[in-house]
C-alpha atoms as a PDB file:
ATOM      1  CA  UNK A   1     124.622  69.295 124.596  1.00  0.00           C
ATOM      2  CA  UNK A   2     123.639  65.691 125.107  1.00  0.00           C
ATOM      3  CA  UNK A   3     124.818  63.203 127.719  1.00  0.00           C
ATOM      4  CA  UNK A   4     127.158  61.485 125.276  1.00  0.00           C
ATOM      5  CA  UNK A   5     128.947  64.738 124.456  1.00  0.00           C
ATOM      6  CA  UNK A   6     129.240  65.604 128.133  1.00  0.00           C
ATOM      7  CA  UNK A   7     130.801  62.186 128.806  1.00  0.00           C
ATOM      8  CA  UNK A   8     133.668  62.920 126.425  1.00  0.00           C
ATOM      9  CA  UNK A   9     137.016  64.186 127.630  1.00  0.00           C
ATOM     10  CA  UNK A  10     137.918  67.784 126.747  1.00  0.00           C
ATOM     11  CA  UNK A  11     140.210  66.523 123.954  1.00  0.00           C
ATOM     12  CA  UNK A  12     137.452  64.310 122.580  1.00  0.00           C
ATOM     13  CA  UNK A  13     135.027  67.237 122.690  1.00  0.00           C
ATOM     14  CA  UNK A  14     137.452  69.337 120.640  1.00  0.00           C
ATOM     15  CA  UNK A  15     137.800  66.523 118.096  1.00  0.00           C
ATOM     16  CA  UNK A  16     134.021  66.133 117.962  1.00  0.00           C
ATOM     17  CA  UNK A  17     133.557  69.856 117.278  1.00  0.00           C
ATOM     18  CA  UNK A  18     136.174  69.711 114.505  1.00  0.00           C
ATOM     19  CA  UNK A  19     134.468  66.781 112.829  1.00  0.00           C
ATOM     20  CA  UNK A  20     131.032  68.394 113.107  1.00  0.00           C
ATOM     21  CA  UNK A  21     132.384  71.583 111.534  1.00  0.00           C
ATOM     22  CA  UNK A  22     133.922  69.582 108.699  1.00  0.00           C
ATOM     23  CA  UNK A  23     130.666  67.706 108.184  1.00  0.00           C
ATOM     24  CA  UNK A  24     128.762  70.992 107.847  1.00  0.00           C
ATOM     25  CA  UNK A  25     131.257  72.201 105.227  1.00  0.00           C
ATOM     26  CA  UNK A  26     131.038  68.949 103.249  1.00  0.00           C
ATOM     27  CA  UNK A  27     127.233  68.895 103.477  1.00  0.00           C
ATOM     28  CA  UNK A  28     126.971  72.465 102.181  1.00  0.00           C
ATOM     29  CA  UNK A  29     129.325  71.722  99.278  1.00  0.00           C
ATOM     30  CA  UNK A  30     127.470  68.522  98.482  1.00  0.00           C
ATOM     31  CA  UNK A  31     124.125  70.321  98.391  1.00  0.00           C
ATOM     32  CA  UNK A  32     125.514  72.815  95.870  1.00  0.00           C
ATOM     33  CA  UNK A  33     126.795  70.022  93.643  1.00  0.00           C
ATOM     34  CA  UNK A  34     123.761  67.726  93.716  1.00  0.00           C
ATOM     35  CA  UNK A  35     121.374  70.515  92.765  1.00  0.00           C
ATOM     36  CA  UNK A  36     123.006  70.454  89.335  1.00  0.00           C
ATOM     37  CA  UNK A  37     123.163  74.234  89.295  1.00  0.00           C
ATOM     38  CA  UNK A  38     126.931  74.521  89.063  1.00  0.00           C
ATOM     39  CA  UNK A  39     129.247  73.393  86.302  1.00  0.00           C
ATOM     40  CA  UNK A  40     131.658  70.483  86.572  1.00  0.00           C
ATOM     41  CA  UNK A  41     134.537  72.968  86.751  1.00  0.00           C
ATOM     42  CA  UNK A  42     132.868  74.887  89.600  1.00  0.00           C
ATOM     43  CA  UNK A  43     132.098  71.616  91.413  1.00  0.00           C
ATOM     44  CA  UNK A  44     135.696  70.447  91.113  1.00  0.00           C
ATOM     45  CA  UNK A  45     136.898  73.790  92.451  1.00  0.00           C
ATOM     46  CA  UNK A  46     134.415  73.557  95.321  1.00  0.00           C
ATOM     47  CA  UNK A  47     135.617  70.032  96.129  1.00  0.00           C
ATOM     48  CA  UNK A  48     139.234  71.277  96.161  1.00  0.00           C
ATOM     49  CA  UNK A  49     138.346  74.205  98.443  1.00  0.00           C
ATOM     50  CA  UNK A  50     136.505  71.835 100.747  1.00  0.00           C
ATOM     51  CA  UNK A  51     139.585  69.614 100.878  1.00  0.00           C
ATOM     52  CA  UNK A  52     141.694  72.668 101.733  1.00  0.00           C
ATOM     53  CA  UNK A  53     139.314  73.456 104.592  1.00  0.00           C
ATOM     54  CA  UNK A  54     139.618  69.869 105.792  1.00  0.00           C
ATOM     55  CA  UNK A  55     143.408  70.180 105.692  1.00  0.00           C
ATOM     56  CA  UNK A  56     143.116  73.051 108.174  1.00  0.00           C
ATOM     57  CA  UNK A  57     140.663  71.189 110.418  1.00  0.00           C
ATOM     58  CA  UNK A  58     142.070  67.636 110.389  1.00  0.00           C
ATOM     59  CA  UNK A  59     145.585  67.795 108.913  1.00  0.00           C
ATOM     60  CA  UNK A  60     146.576  64.440 110.392  1.00  0.00           C
ATOM     61  CA  UNK A  61     143.550  62.614 108.949  1.00  0.00           C
ATOM     62  CA  UNK A  62     143.714  63.570 105.275  1.00  0.00           C
ATOM     63  CA  UNK A  63     144.215  59.991 104.060  1.00  0.00           C
ATOM     64  CA  UNK A  64     140.905  59.076 105.655  1.00  0.00           C
ATOM     65  CA  UNK A  65     139.289  62.253 104.288  1.00  0.00           C
ATOM     66  CA  UNK A  66     140.419  61.361 100.765  1.00  0.00           C
ATOM     67  CA  UNK A  67     139.091  57.812 101.056  1.00  0.00           C
ATOM     68  CA  UNK A  68     135.688  58.890 102.326  1.00  0.00           C
ATOM     69  CA  UNK A  69     135.011  62.315 100.899  1.00  0.00           C
ATOM     70  CA  UNK A  70     137.184  62.129  97.803  1.00  0.00           C
ATOM     71  CA  UNK A  71     135.083  59.227  96.544  1.00  0.00           C
ATOM     72  CA  UNK A  72     131.878  60.978  97.547  1.00  0.00           C
ATOM     73  CA  UNK A  73     132.805  64.181  95.695  1.00  0.00           C
ATOM     74  CA  UNK A  74     133.818  62.210  92.576  1.00  0.00           C
ATOM     75  CA  UNK A  75     130.441  60.452  92.622  1.00  0.00           C
ATOM     76  CA  UNK A  76     128.492  63.674  93.118  1.00  0.00           C
ATOM     77  CA  UNK A  77     130.383  65.442  90.335  1.00  0.00           C
ATOM     78  CA  UNK A  78     130.014  62.540  87.896  1.00  0.00           C
ATOM     79  CA  UNK A  79     126.337  62.044  88.732  1.00  0.00           C
ATOM     80  CA  UNK A  80     125.120  65.636  88.933  1.00  0.00           C
ATOM     81  CA  UNK A  81     127.381  67.791  86.762  1.00  0.00           C
ATOM     82  CA  UNK A  82     127.451  67.953  82.986  1.00  0.00           C
ATOM     83  CA  UNK A  83     130.524  66.418  81.436  1.00  0.00           C
END
């Protein structure tokens, strides 16, 4: 790990790991959507499953998740999936 990570408290390190895990999940889902190889219905289902995963990882931060990632998923789906 880097010096910044090592300077974090144990609680902050746990939070950092949670957010990094969530970011990997969102990135993987986003890659599937932006390739245009899945249907709008499949993309919407993937976005919902990703939100469910986020609910398990950061249950107390779902309002923020919806503001950031909800908008991002809507954009990706509208831009890269057939209507």
